[in-house]
């Protein structure tokens, strides 16, 4: 989970575009509670794919909460996402 948290934290704050698995997305990353909570929402440009997740840094661990989709989907997306320069 730590590598996922690092990859998620490394993404730009706010709204940006990027590519994952050959598809282009508009992505919004919001940070709450002094970095202890991150929300990420991505919509495929010109397509129908949608990604939404919440990630929490708790005192004893971290917790990933995908929004109505498989955890493997959101993990693969964050790992593959490359923001535009």
Protein backbone atom coordinates (compact mmCIF):
# COMPACT_ATOMS: atom_id res chain seq x y z
CA UNK A 1 0.00 0.00 0.00
CA UNK A 2 2.91 2.36 0.64
CA UNK A 3 3.96 2.44 -3.03
CA UNK A 4 0.36 3.26 -3.98
CA UNK A 5 0.28 6.11 -1.45
CA UNK A 6 3.57 7.45 -2.79
CA UNK A 7 2.35 7.29 -6.40
CA UNK A 8 -0.91 9.01 -5.46
CA UNK A 9 0.87 11.71 -3.44
CA UNK A 10 3.27 12.40 -6.32
CA UNK A 11 0.43 13.36 -8.68
CA UNK A 12 -0.20 17.11 -9.12
CA UNK A 13 -2.74 18.83 -6.92
CA UNK A 14 -5.80 20.26 -8.65
CA UNK A 15 -7.05 19.51 -12.14
CA UNK A 16 -4.69 18.21 -14.84
CA UNK A 17 -4.66 15.98 -17.90
CA UNK A 18 -2.69 12.80 -18.34
CA UNK A 19 -2.46 9.39 -19.97
CA UNK A 20 -2.99 5.93 -18.52
CA UNK A 21 -2.99 2.69 -20.49
CA UNK A 22 -3.16 4.51 -23.82
CA UNK A 23 -6.17 6.64 -22.85
CA UNK A 24 -6.32 10.38 -22.07
CA UNK A 25 -7.98 11.62 -18.89
CA UNK A 26 -8.86 14.82 -17.09
CA UNK A 27 -8.01 14.25 -13.43
CA UNK A 28 -8.80 16.18 -10.26
CA UNK A 29 -6.84 15.51 -7.09
CA UNK A 30 -7.96 17.13 -3.83
CA UNK A 31 -6.17 16.93 -0.47
CA UNK A 32 -7.93 17.27 2.88
CA UNK A 33 -6.99 17.14 6.58
CA UNK A 34 -3.41 18.31 6.05
CA UNK A 35 -2.67 15.50 3.60
CA UNK A 36 -4.31 12.70 5.58
CA UNK A 37 -7.09 12.30 3.00
CA UNK A 38 -6.82 12.40 -0.80
CA UNK A 39 -9.68 12.26 -3.30
CA UNK A 40 -8.98 11.51 -6.96
CA UNK A 41 -11.52 11.63 -9.79
CA UNK A 42 -10.65 10.96 -13.43
CA UNK A 43 -12.79 11.02 -16.57
CA UNK A 44 -11.63 9.65 -19.89
CA UNK A 45 -11.52 12.31 -22.60
CA UNK A 46 -13.64 11.17 -25.54
CA UNK A 47 -14.59 7.94 -23.78
CA UNK A 48 -16.65 6.51 -20.96
CA UNK A 49 -14.06 5.37 -18.40
CA UNK A 50 -14.34 6.88 -14.93
CA UNK A 51 -12.12 6.50 -11.86
CA UNK A 52 -12.97 7.70 -8.35
CA UNK A 53 -11.22 6.96 -5.08
CA UNK A 54 -10.54 8.17 -1.58
CA UNK A 55 -7.29 7.38 0.26
CA UNK A 56 -6.86 7.84 3.99
CA UNK A 57 -3.67 7.97 6.04
CA UNK A 58 -4.66 6.70 9.48
CA UNK A 59 -2.57 6.61 12.65
CA UNK A 60 -1.89 2.89 12.28
CA UNK A 61 -2.23 2.28 8.52
CA UNK A 62 -3.57 3.58 5.22
CA UNK A 63 -6.92 2.79 3.65
CA UNK A 64 -7.96 2.90 0.00
CA UNK A 65 -11.67 3.28 -0.71
CA UNK A 66 -12.58 3.03 -4.40
CA UNK A 67 -15.96 4.53 -5.28
CA UNK A 68 -18.15 1.78 -6.73
CA UNK A 69 -15.36 0.01 -8.63
CA UNK A 70 -12.75 -2.66 -8.05
CA UNK A 71 -9.67 -1.75 -6.03
CA UNK A 72 -7.49 -3.37 -8.70
CA UNK A 73 -8.86 -0.89 -11.26
CA UNK A 74 -7.95 2.20 -9.25
CA UNK A 75 -4.53 0.82 -8.29
CA UNK A 76 -3.70 0.03 -11.92
CA UNK A 77 -4.88 3.48 -13.00
CA UNK A 78 -2.76 5.40 -10.46
CA UNK A 79 0.28 3.25 -11.25
CA UNK A 80 -0.11 3.89 -15.00
CA UNK A 81 -1.10 7.57 -14.90
CA UNK A 82 1.45 9.97 -16.41
CA UNK A 83 0.48 13.65 -16.09
CA UNK A 84 1.07 15.88 -19.10
CA UNK A 85 4.11 18.13 -18.87
